[in-house]
Each structure stands twice: as structure tokens, then as C-alpha cells.
């Protein structure tokens, strides 16, 4: 179950120009809070909902300003888990879409599967606003070093826009590896 009420509106960290969190150059926002507690999680501190700083409107504006350069391809939302922080995540997704439309992309990482998110009303709006979902819990036994954009082979890179439009799950997002 997606428990939106646990969120304290915090982000664990922010990296303005990342080359590893999705395709191209991206602004990476790491949300605070996750209940999955995956063995071998690379970001254990971000599992705590009280970790990090409150995501203020001023911080959101600064992030959007960072993205508003020609070489930045979009924003990546990681964690923690953004789907445990839907209200906070939407606080940046909505102004992002207002400012950039579909000219820049939104990638999201979540321990929830795409199918689980489709079955929860409170996650549907967020799904309609994102471009790519890297779904599934990190499973240490399925870890593969240098796996593009994910940590374990069970995780999928889903082209959410195409999947939502066709009502057919489009697994491999067509990225340049």
C-alpha cells in the first residue's frame, strides 16, 4: 500500500547535474523516506522520512532554474522512494511540467512495480506526468555492476508515456546505453 501520510516533505539530497541517473544530463532529487528496506540499498540514510531538508517552494524554483539550461535533459526523482512522497513529488512535478512541458523528461525510481502503482488511485496522477519509471525493489542477489540505470536485473525501465497511451506495458524504454 502506498502510504502518502508518512512523508514529511523532505529531500535527502539534490545533485544539479548528474550523468548517471537517467539519460543525458539530469537534475537528481533524492526524496527522504522508504519502507522497502532493501538489503544492500545504496542510500540507507534516505530511507528515514525525517532525514534531509524540507523541500520549499524556493528550493523548487532553484531546481527548476538549474534545469533551465540547454544541456540539461530533465529531472530524476529517486530516494528513498518518490511514491512514498507523492504530495512532495507532485510539488516539483507540476511546476516542472508547467515550465518545460514535454521538452524535458521526468524519470522516477521506485520500489513499487508499475502494476502496483496502477492499482492505487493516489499514484495515478503522478504516473500520468512522468516519462520513465525504473520499477521494482533492489534485490542484492540480482545485482549486476554497470547495469544501465538500475541496480538489479529484476528492475525494469518502463516507457510510462507509451504504456499509458496504449494501455500496454512498454518495458524497455528506448535509451542510448
N, C-alpha and C. Protein backbone atom coordinates (compact mmCIF):
# COMPACT_ATOMS: atom_id res chain seq x y z
N UNK A 1 0.84 -1.19 0.00
CA UNK A 1 0.00 0.00 0.00
C UNK A 1 0.88 1.25 0.00
N UNK A 2 0.50 2.20 -0.77
CA UNK A 2 1.25 3.45 -0.85
C UNK A 2 0.77 4.36 0.27
N UNK A 3 1.66 4.67 1.19
CA UNK A 3 1.29 5.44 2.38
C UNK A 3 1.80 6.86 2.27
N UNK A 4 1.00 7.68 1.68
CA UNK A 4 1.36 9.07 1.44
C UNK A 4 1.53 9.85 2.75
N UNK A 5 0.82 9.46 3.80
CA UNK A 5 0.81 10.22 5.05
C UNK A 5 2.13 10.13 5.82
N UNK A 6 3.05 9.28 5.44
CA UNK A 6 4.33 9.16 6.14
C UNK A 6 5.30 10.27 5.74
N UNK A 7 5.09 10.84 4.59
CA UNK A 7 6.01 11.84 4.07
C UNK A 7 6.07 13.06 4.98
N UNK A 8 7.28 13.56 5.16
CA UNK A 8 7.48 14.80 5.92
C UNK A 8 7.88 15.93 4.99
N UNK A 9 7.76 15.70 3.67
CA UNK A 9 8.08 16.74 2.71
C UNK A 9 9.55 17.04 2.58
N UNK A 10 10.39 16.03 2.79
CA UNK A 10 11.84 16.24 2.81
C UNK A 10 12.53 15.60 1.61
N UNK A 11 13.66 16.19 1.26
CA UNK A 11 14.56 15.56 0.31
C UNK A 11 15.87 15.26 1.01
N UNK A 12 16.44 14.11 0.68
CA UNK A 12 17.70 13.69 1.28
C UNK A 12 18.88 14.44 0.67
N UNK A 13 18.82 14.66 -0.64
CA UNK A 13 19.87 15.43 -1.30
C UNK A 13 19.43 15.84 -2.70
N UNK A 14 20.25 16.70 -3.28
CA UNK A 14 19.99 17.20 -4.62
C UNK A 14 21.31 17.33 -5.37
N UNK A 15 21.36 16.80 -6.58
CA UNK A 15 22.53 16.91 -7.44
C UNK A 15 22.10 17.63 -8.71
N UNK A 16 22.59 18.85 -8.95
CA UNK A 16 22.09 19.62 -10.08
C UNK A 16 22.39 19.03 -11.46
N UNK A 17 23.54 18.41 -11.66
CA UNK A 17 23.86 17.89 -12.99
C UNK A 17 24.49 16.51 -12.87
N UNK A 18 23.65 15.50 -12.98
CA UNK A 18 24.08 14.11 -12.85
C UNK A 18 24.13 13.47 -14.24
N UNK A 19 25.07 12.56 -14.41
CA UNK A 19 25.22 11.83 -15.66
C UNK A 19 24.85 10.36 -15.51
N UNK A 20 24.41 9.95 -14.32
CA UNK A 20 24.15 8.53 -14.07
C UNK A 20 22.69 8.22 -13.75
N UNK A 21 21.90 9.21 -13.42
CA UNK A 21 20.51 8.99 -13.01
C UNK A 21 19.55 9.22 -14.16
N UNK A 22 19.70 8.40 -15.21
CA UNK A 22 18.84 8.54 -16.38
C UNK A 22 19.63 9.01 -17.58
N UNK A 23 18.92 9.18 -18.67
CA UNK A 23 19.54 9.51 -19.94
C UNK A 23 19.94 10.98 -20.00
N UNK A 24 21.18 11.23 -20.39
CA UNK A 24 21.65 12.59 -20.55
C UNK A 24 22.05 13.24 -19.24
N UNK A 25 22.10 14.55 -19.25
CA UNK A 25 22.42 15.34 -18.05
C UNK A 25 21.11 15.65 -17.35
N UNK A 26 21.05 15.37 -16.04
CA UNK A 26 19.78 15.49 -15.33
C UNK A 26 19.99 16.09 -13.94
N UNK A 27 18.98 16.76 -13.46
CA UNK A 27 18.95 17.20 -12.06
C UNK A 27 18.35 16.05 -11.26
N UNK A 28 19.04 15.61 -10.22
CA UNK A 28 18.59 14.46 -9.44
C UNK A 28 18.14 14.89 -8.05
N UNK A 29 16.89 14.60 -7.73
CA UNK A 29 16.32 14.91 -6.42
C UNK A 29 16.07 13.59 -5.71
N UNK A 30 16.69 13.44 -4.53
CA UNK A 30 16.55 12.22 -3.73
C UNK A 30 15.58 12.50 -2.59
N UNK A 31 14.43 11.85 -2.61
CA UNK A 31 13.42 12.05 -1.59
C UNK A 31 13.74 11.27 -0.33
N UNK A 32 13.31 11.77 0.81
CA UNK A 32 13.51 11.10 2.09
C UNK A 32 12.30 10.22 2.37
N UNK A 33 12.57 8.97 2.71
CA UNK A 33 11.52 8.07 3.12
C UNK A 33 11.29 6.90 2.19
N UNK A 34 11.44 5.70 2.76
CA UNK A 34 11.16 4.47 2.03
C UNK A 34 10.96 3.36 3.06
N UNK A 35 9.97 2.52 2.84
CA UNK A 35 9.69 1.42 3.76
C UNK A 35 10.18 0.07 3.25
N UNK A 36 10.73 0.02 2.06
CA UNK A 36 11.13 -1.27 1.48
C UNK A 36 12.33 -1.88 2.19
N UNK A 37 13.27 -1.08 2.67
CA UNK A 37 14.45 -1.55 3.39
C UNK A 37 15.17 -2.66 2.62
N UNK A 38 15.45 -2.39 1.35
CA UNK A 38 16.11 -3.38 0.50
C UNK A 38 17.51 -3.69 1.03
N UNK A 39 17.82 -4.97 1.12
CA UNK A 39 19.16 -5.41 1.52
C UNK A 39 20.15 -4.87 0.49
N UNK A 40 21.18 -4.18 0.95
CA UNK A 40 22.19 -3.63 0.06
C UNK A 40 21.83 -2.29 -0.55
N UNK A 41 20.79 -1.65 -0.04
CA UNK A 41 20.37 -0.34 -0.54
C UNK A 41 21.57 0.62 -0.52
N UNK A 42 21.78 1.33 -1.61
CA UNK A 42 22.93 2.24 -1.68
C UNK A 42 22.65 3.57 -0.99
N UNK A 43 21.43 3.79 -0.56
CA UNK A 43 21.06 5.09 0.03
C UNK A 43 20.26 4.89 1.32
N UNK A 44 20.81 4.11 2.25
CA UNK A 44 20.12 3.77 3.51
C UNK A 44 19.66 5.00 4.28
N UNK A 45 20.47 6.04 4.32
CA UNK A 45 20.10 7.24 5.09
C UNK A 45 18.79 7.83 4.58
N UNK A 46 18.54 7.74 3.28
CA UNK A 46 17.34 8.33 2.69
C UNK A 46 16.08 7.51 2.99
N UNK A 47 16.21 6.36 3.61
CA UNK A 47 15.02 5.58 3.99
C UNK A 47 14.25 6.27 5.12
N UNK A 48 14.93 7.07 5.91
CA UNK A 48 14.33 7.77 7.04
C UNK A 48 13.52 8.97 6.53
N UNK A 49 12.24 9.01 6.88
CA UNK A 49 11.37 10.10 6.43
C UNK A 49 11.76 11.45 7.03
N UNK A 50 12.50 11.45 8.14
CA UNK A 50 12.92 12.69 8.79
C UNK A 50 14.29 13.18 8.34
N UNK A 51 14.93 12.43 7.47
CA UNK A 51 16.28 12.78 7.00
C UNK A 51 16.22 13.91 5.98
N UNK A 52 17.20 14.77 5.99
CA UNK A 52 17.33 15.79 4.96
C UNK A 52 16.60 17.08 5.26
N UNK A 53 16.34 17.83 4.21
CA UNK A 53 15.76 19.17 4.33
C UNK A 53 14.35 19.22 3.73
N UNK A 54 13.54 20.11 4.28
CA UNK A 54 12.21 20.35 3.73
C UNK A 54 12.36 20.89 2.30
N UNK A 55 11.54 20.38 1.40
CA UNK A 55 11.54 20.87 0.02
C UNK A 55 10.63 22.09 -0.05
N UNK A 56 11.23 23.26 -0.02
CA UNK A 56 10.48 24.52 -0.01
C UNK A 56 10.19 24.99 -1.44
N UNK A 57 9.28 25.93 -1.56
CA UNK A 57 8.98 26.49 -2.89
C UNK A 57 10.21 27.21 -3.45
N UNK A 58 11.01 27.82 -2.59
CA UNK A 58 12.23 28.48 -3.04
C UNK A 58 13.23 27.45 -3.60
N UNK A 59 13.33 26.32 -2.93
CA UNK A 59 14.23 25.24 -3.40
C UNK A 59 13.74 24.68 -4.73
N UNK A 60 12.43 24.51 -4.85
CA UNK A 60 11.86 24.02 -6.11
C UNK A 60 12.20 24.99 -7.24
N UNK A 61 12.04 26.27 -7.00
CA UNK A 61 12.36 27.28 -8.02
C UNK A 61 13.83 27.22 -8.41
N UNK A 62 14.70 27.05 -7.43
CA UNK A 62 16.14 26.95 -7.71
C UNK A 62 16.45 25.71 -8.55
N UNK A 63 15.80 24.60 -8.24
CA UNK A 63 15.99 23.37 -9.01
C UNK A 63 15.53 23.57 -10.45
N UNK A 64 14.36 24.17 -10.63
CA UNK A 64 13.85 24.43 -11.98
C UNK A 64 14.78 25.37 -12.75
N UNK A 65 15.34 26.35 -12.06
CA UNK A 65 16.30 27.25 -12.70
C UNK A 65 17.55 26.49 -13.15
N UNK A 66 18.01 25.54 -12.33
CA UNK A 66 19.16 24.71 -12.71
C UNK A 66 18.86 23.91 -13.98
N UNK A 67 17.64 23.41 -14.09
CA UNK A 67 17.24 22.58 -15.22
C UNK A 67 17.08 23.41 -16.49
N UNK A 68 16.82 24.68 -16.33
CA UNK A 68 16.51 25.55 -17.47
C UNK A 68 17.77 26.00 -18.22
N UNK A 69 18.58 25.02 -18.59
CA UNK A 69 19.74 25.25 -19.45
C UNK A 69 19.65 24.22 -20.58
N UNK A 70 20.17 24.57 -21.73
CA UNK A 70 20.00 23.73 -22.92
C UNK A 70 20.55 22.31 -22.74
N UNK A 71 21.64 22.16 -22.00
CA UNK A 71 22.27 20.84 -21.89
C UNK A 71 21.63 19.92 -20.85
N UNK A 72 20.68 20.40 -20.07
CA UNK A 72 20.02 19.55 -19.07
C UNK A 72 18.78 18.92 -19.71
N UNK A 73 18.72 17.58 -19.68
CA UNK A 73 17.64 16.84 -20.33
C UNK A 73 16.39 16.70 -19.48
N UNK A 74 16.49 16.94 -18.17
CA UNK A 74 15.31 16.81 -17.32
C UNK A 74 15.65 16.56 -15.88
N UNK A 75 14.70 15.95 -15.19
CA UNK A 75 14.82 15.71 -13.75
C UNK A 75 14.66 14.23 -13.46
N UNK A 76 15.40 13.75 -12.47
CA UNK A 76 15.29 12.38 -11.99
C UNK A 76 14.88 12.42 -10.52
N UNK A 77 13.86 11.66 -10.18
CA UNK A 77 13.35 11.60 -8.81
C UNK A 77 13.64 10.21 -8.27
N UNK A 78 14.44 10.19 -7.19
CA UNK A 78 14.88 8.94 -6.60
C UNK A 78 14.64 8.99 -5.10
N UNK A 79 15.29 8.11 -4.36
CA UNK A 79 15.06 8.16 -2.94
C UNK A 79 16.10 7.44 -2.12
N UNK A 80 15.47 7.10 -0.97
CA UNK A 80 14.08 6.97 -0.58
C UNK A 80 13.24 6.43 -1.73
N UNK A 81 12.01 6.84 -1.75
CA UNK A 81 11.09 6.46 -2.83
C UNK A 81 10.09 7.59 -3.05
N UNK A 82 10.06 8.17 -4.24
CA UNK A 82 9.13 9.27 -4.52
C UNK A 82 7.66 8.88 -4.34
N UNK A 83 7.33 7.60 -4.52
CA UNK A 83 5.93 7.20 -4.37
C UNK A 83 5.51 7.03 -2.91
N UNK A 84 6.43 7.13 -1.98
CA UNK A 84 6.07 7.28 -0.56
C UNK A 84 5.95 8.77 -0.23
N UNK A 85 6.18 9.61 -1.21
CA UNK A 85 6.21 11.07 -1.05
C UNK A 85 5.46 11.75 -2.18
N UNK A 86 4.29 11.24 -2.52
CA UNK A 86 3.58 11.71 -3.71
C UNK A 86 3.29 13.20 -3.66
N UNK A 87 2.78 13.68 -2.56
CA UNK A 87 2.44 15.10 -2.47
C UNK A 87 3.69 15.97 -2.66
N UNK A 88 4.77 15.60 -2.03
CA UNK A 88 6.02 16.35 -2.17
C UNK A 88 6.56 16.24 -3.60
N UNK A 89 6.52 15.04 -4.16
CA UNK A 89 6.99 14.86 -5.54
C UNK A 89 6.15 15.66 -6.52
N UNK A 90 4.84 15.66 -6.33
CA UNK A 90 3.97 16.43 -7.23
C UNK A 90 4.23 17.93 -7.08
N UNK A 91 4.73 18.34 -5.91
CA UNK A 91 5.08 19.73 -5.69
C UNK A 91 6.20 20.22 -6.60
N UNK A 92 6.99 19.29 -7.12
CA UNK A 92 8.02 19.66 -8.09
C UNK A 92 7.62 19.25 -9.51
N UNK A 93 6.87 18.16 -9.64
CA UNK A 93 6.47 17.68 -10.97
C UNK A 93 5.55 18.68 -11.66
N UNK A 94 4.56 19.18 -10.95
CA UNK A 94 3.60 20.11 -11.58
C UNK A 94 4.27 21.37 -12.11
N UNK A 95 5.08 22.08 -11.30
CA UNK A 95 5.74 23.27 -11.86
C UNK A 95 6.77 22.93 -12.95
N UNK A 96 7.36 21.74 -12.86
CA UNK A 96 8.27 21.29 -13.91
C UNK A 96 7.52 21.21 -15.24
N UNK A 97 6.35 20.55 -15.23
CA UNK A 97 5.56 20.40 -16.47
C UNK A 97 5.04 21.76 -16.95
N UNK A 98 4.66 22.63 -16.02
CA UNK A 98 4.19 23.96 -16.41
C UNK A 98 5.30 24.74 -17.12
N UNK A 99 6.50 24.60 -16.63
CA UNK A 99 7.62 25.38 -17.18
C UNK A 99 8.21 24.76 -18.45
N UNK A 100 8.33 23.44 -18.47
CA UNK A 100 9.04 22.78 -19.57
C UNK A 100 8.14 21.96 -20.49
N UNK A 101 6.88 21.77 -20.11
CA UNK A 101 6.01 20.91 -20.92
C UNK A 101 6.63 19.54 -21.06
N UNK A 102 6.67 19.04 -22.30
CA UNK A 102 7.29 17.75 -22.57
C UNK A 102 8.66 17.90 -23.25
N UNK A 103 9.23 19.10 -23.19
CA UNK A 103 10.54 19.34 -23.80
C UNK A 103 11.66 18.69 -23.00
N UNK A 104 11.44 18.52 -21.72
CA UNK A 104 12.41 17.85 -20.85
C UNK A 104 11.67 16.71 -20.15
N UNK A 105 12.41 15.68 -19.76
CA UNK A 105 11.76 14.47 -19.25
C UNK A 105 11.88 14.30 -17.74
N UNK A 106 10.97 13.48 -17.22
CA UNK A 106 10.95 13.12 -15.80
C UNK A 106 11.16 11.61 -15.70
N UNK A 107 12.22 11.23 -15.02
CA UNK A 107 12.48 9.82 -14.70
C UNK A 107 12.24 9.64 -13.20
N UNK A 108 11.63 8.51 -12.84
CA UNK A 108 11.35 8.21 -11.43
C UNK A 108 11.79 6.78 -11.13
N UNK A 109 12.45 6.60 -9.98
CA UNK A 109 12.82 5.28 -9.48
C UNK A 109 11.91 4.95 -8.31
N UNK A 110 11.38 3.72 -8.29
CA UNK A 110 10.51 3.29 -7.19
C UNK A 110 10.65 1.80 -6.95
N UNK A 111 10.53 1.42 -5.69
CA UNK A 111 10.48 0.00 -5.34
C UNK A 111 9.15 -0.63 -5.69
N UNK A 112 8.13 0.20 -5.88
CA UNK A 112 6.83 -0.31 -6.32
C UNK A 112 6.93 -0.72 -7.79
N UNK A 113 6.19 -1.74 -8.17
CA UNK A 113 6.12 -2.10 -9.58
C UNK A 113 5.11 -1.20 -10.28
N UNK A 114 5.23 -1.11 -11.57
CA UNK A 114 4.31 -0.33 -12.39
C UNK A 114 2.87 -0.81 -12.15
N UNK A 115 2.69 -2.12 -12.10
CA UNK A 115 1.36 -2.69 -11.90
C UNK A 115 0.78 -2.29 -10.55
N UNK A 116 1.60 -2.30 -9.51
CA UNK A 116 1.12 -1.91 -8.18
C UNK A 116 0.71 -0.44 -8.17
N UNK A 117 1.48 0.40 -8.84
CA UNK A 117 1.16 1.83 -8.89
C UNK A 117 -0.13 2.08 -9.65
N UNK A 118 -0.39 1.30 -10.68
CA UNK A 118 -1.64 1.44 -11.45
C UNK A 118 -2.86 1.11 -10.60
N UNK A 119 -2.67 0.29 -9.57
CA UNK A 119 -3.79 -0.14 -8.73
C UNK A 119 -4.04 0.75 -7.53
N UNK A 120 -3.35 1.89 -7.44
CA UNK A 120 -3.55 2.82 -6.33
C UNK A 120 -3.92 4.19 -6.88
N UNK A 121 -5.13 4.62 -6.57
CA UNK A 121 -5.63 5.89 -7.10
C UNK A 121 -4.70 7.06 -6.82
N UNK A 122 -4.06 7.07 -5.64
CA UNK A 122 -3.24 8.23 -5.30
C UNK A 122 -1.92 8.30 -6.08
N UNK A 123 -1.57 7.26 -6.81
CA UNK A 123 -0.35 7.30 -7.62
C UNK A 123 -0.63 7.57 -9.09
N UNK A 124 -1.88 7.50 -9.51
CA UNK A 124 -2.21 7.61 -10.93
C UNK A 124 -1.87 8.97 -11.52
N UNK A 125 -2.16 10.06 -10.82
CA UNK A 125 -1.85 11.38 -11.36
C UNK A 125 -0.35 11.53 -11.60
N UNK A 126 0.44 11.06 -10.64
CA UNK A 126 1.89 11.15 -10.79
C UNK A 126 2.35 10.33 -12.00
N UNK A 127 1.77 9.15 -12.19
CA UNK A 127 2.14 8.32 -13.33
C UNK A 127 1.85 9.01 -14.66
N UNK A 128 0.79 9.80 -14.71
CA UNK A 128 0.45 10.48 -15.97
C UNK A 128 1.41 11.62 -16.29
N UNK A 129 2.19 12.05 -15.33
CA UNK A 129 3.08 13.20 -15.52
C UNK A 129 4.53 12.81 -15.79
N UNK A 130 4.88 11.53 -15.59
CA UNK A 130 6.28 11.14 -15.74
C UNK A 130 6.49 10.44 -17.08
N UNK A 131 7.75 10.38 -17.49
CA UNK A 131 8.10 9.77 -18.77
C UNK A 131 8.62 8.35 -18.62
N UNK A 132 9.49 8.15 -17.65
CA UNK A 132 10.14 6.86 -17.48
C UNK A 132 10.08 6.46 -16.01
N UNK A 133 9.75 5.18 -15.78
CA UNK A 133 9.73 4.62 -14.43
C UNK A 133 10.72 3.46 -14.39
N UNK A 134 11.65 3.52 -13.46
CA UNK A 134 12.50 2.37 -13.17
C UNK A 134 11.87 1.74 -11.95
N UNK A 135 11.26 0.56 -12.14
CA UNK A 135 10.43 0.00 -11.08
C UNK A 135 11.04 -1.26 -10.46
N UNK A 136 10.55 -1.58 -9.28
CA UNK A 136 10.94 -2.79 -8.58
C UNK A 136 11.97 -2.54 -7.50
N UNK A 137 11.88 -3.34 -6.46
CA UNK A 137 12.83 -3.25 -5.35
C UNK A 137 14.21 -3.67 -5.83
N UNK A 138 15.22 -3.10 -5.19
CA UNK A 138 16.59 -3.57 -5.43
C UNK A 138 16.74 -4.92 -4.75
N UNK A 139 17.20 -5.91 -5.49
CA UNK A 139 17.45 -7.25 -4.94
C UNK A 139 18.94 -7.53 -5.08
N UNK A 140 19.60 -7.59 -3.94
CA UNK A 140 21.06 -7.71 -3.94
C UNK A 140 21.53 -8.94 -4.69
N UNK A 141 20.79 -10.04 -4.59
CA UNK A 141 21.19 -11.28 -5.27
C UNK A 141 21.10 -11.15 -6.80
N UNK A 142 20.40 -10.12 -7.27
CA UNK A 142 20.27 -9.89 -8.72
C UNK A 142 21.05 -8.66 -9.16
N UNK A 143 21.95 -8.21 -8.29
CA UNK A 143 22.79 -7.05 -8.59
C UNK A 143 23.73 -7.36 -9.76
N UNK A 144 23.82 -6.43 -10.68
CA UNK A 144 24.77 -6.53 -11.79
C UNK A 144 25.48 -5.19 -11.90
N UNK A 145 26.81 -5.18 -11.74
CA UNK A 145 27.54 -3.91 -11.87
C UNK A 145 27.38 -3.34 -13.28
N UNK A 146 27.30 -2.04 -13.36
CA UNK A 146 27.21 -1.32 -14.64
C UNK A 146 25.94 -1.60 -15.43
N UNK A 147 24.90 -2.07 -14.77
CA UNK A 147 23.60 -2.25 -15.42
C UNK A 147 23.01 -0.86 -15.64
N UNK A 148 22.65 -0.54 -16.85
CA UNK A 148 22.20 0.82 -17.17
C UNK A 148 20.99 1.23 -16.34
N UNK A 149 21.14 2.28 -15.56
CA UNK A 149 20.08 2.98 -14.84
C UNK A 149 19.37 2.17 -13.75
N UNK A 150 19.87 1.02 -13.40
CA UNK A 150 19.24 0.22 -12.35
C UNK A 150 20.30 -0.61 -11.65
N UNK A 151 19.93 -1.15 -10.50
CA UNK A 151 20.90 -1.88 -9.72
C UNK A 151 20.78 -3.38 -9.81
N UNK A 152 19.58 -3.90 -10.10
CA UNK A 152 19.39 -5.34 -10.17
C UNK A 152 18.53 -5.70 -11.38
N UNK A 153 18.70 -6.92 -11.85
CA UNK A 153 18.09 -7.34 -13.10
C UNK A 153 16.57 -7.45 -13.05
N UNK A 154 15.98 -7.49 -11.88
CA UNK A 154 14.51 -7.53 -11.77
C UNK A 154 13.89 -6.17 -12.06
N UNK A 155 14.66 -5.12 -11.93
CA UNK A 155 14.14 -3.77 -12.14
C UNK A 155 13.97 -3.51 -13.63
N UNK A 156 12.88 -2.82 -13.96
CA UNK A 156 12.55 -2.58 -15.36
C UNK A 156 12.57 -1.08 -15.65
N UNK A 157 12.91 -0.75 -16.87
CA UNK A 157 12.87 0.64 -17.34
C UNK A 157 11.64 0.74 -18.23
N UNK A 158 10.63 1.43 -17.74
CA UNK A 158 9.33 1.45 -18.41
C UNK A 158 9.08 2.81 -19.04
N UNK A 159 8.74 2.78 -20.31
CA UNK A 159 8.31 3.98 -21.02
C UNK A 159 6.86 4.24 -20.60
N UNK A 160 6.68 5.06 -19.59
CA UNK A 160 5.36 5.27 -18.99
C UNK A 160 4.41 5.97 -19.96
N UNK A 161 4.88 6.95 -20.68
CA UNK A 161 4.00 7.66 -21.63
C UNK A 161 3.41 6.70 -22.65
N UNK A 162 4.25 5.86 -23.25
CA UNK A 162 3.75 4.90 -24.24
C UNK A 162 2.85 3.85 -23.58
N UNK A 163 3.22 3.41 -22.39
CA UNK A 163 2.41 2.42 -21.68
C UNK A 163 1.04 2.99 -21.34
N UNK A 164 0.99 4.23 -20.86
CA UNK A 164 -0.29 4.85 -20.51
C UNK A 164 -1.14 5.07 -21.75
N UNK A 165 -0.52 5.45 -22.86
CA UNK A 165 -1.27 5.75 -24.08
C UNK A 165 -1.84 4.50 -24.73
N UNK A 166 -1.10 3.39 -24.68
CA UNK A 166 -1.53 2.17 -25.35
C UNK A 166 -2.23 1.20 -24.42
N UNK A 167 -2.16 1.45 -23.13
CA UNK A 167 -2.67 0.54 -22.10
C UNK A 167 -1.96 -0.82 -22.17
N UNK A 168 -0.78 -0.82 -22.77
CA UNK A 168 0.06 -2.00 -22.83
C UNK A 168 1.39 -1.62 -22.20
N UNK A 169 1.87 -2.45 -21.31
CA UNK A 169 3.13 -2.16 -20.64
C UNK A 169 4.28 -2.20 -21.64
N UNK A 170 4.92 -1.06 -21.82
CA UNK A 170 6.07 -0.97 -22.72
C UNK A 170 7.31 -1.03 -21.85
N UNK A 171 7.95 -2.18 -21.84
CA UNK A 171 9.07 -2.34 -20.93
C UNK A 171 10.27 -1.52 -21.34
N UNK A 172 11.10 -1.96 -22.12
CA UNK A 172 12.36 -1.28 -22.35
C UNK A 172 12.17 0.09 -22.99
N UNK A 173 12.37 1.11 -22.19
CA UNK A 173 12.44 2.47 -22.71
C UNK A 173 13.61 2.50 -23.67
N UNK A 174 13.44 3.13 -24.81
CA UNK A 174 14.48 3.17 -25.84
C UNK A 174 15.52 4.22 -25.49
N UNK A 175 16.50 3.85 -24.69
CA UNK A 175 17.56 4.77 -24.27
C UNK A 175 18.85 4.43 -25.02
N UNK A 176 19.74 5.39 -25.02
CA UNK A 176 21.06 5.16 -25.61
C UNK A 176 21.98 4.69 -24.50
N UNK A 177 22.36 3.43 -24.54
CA UNK A 177 23.21 2.86 -23.49
C UNK A 177 24.65 3.26 -23.66
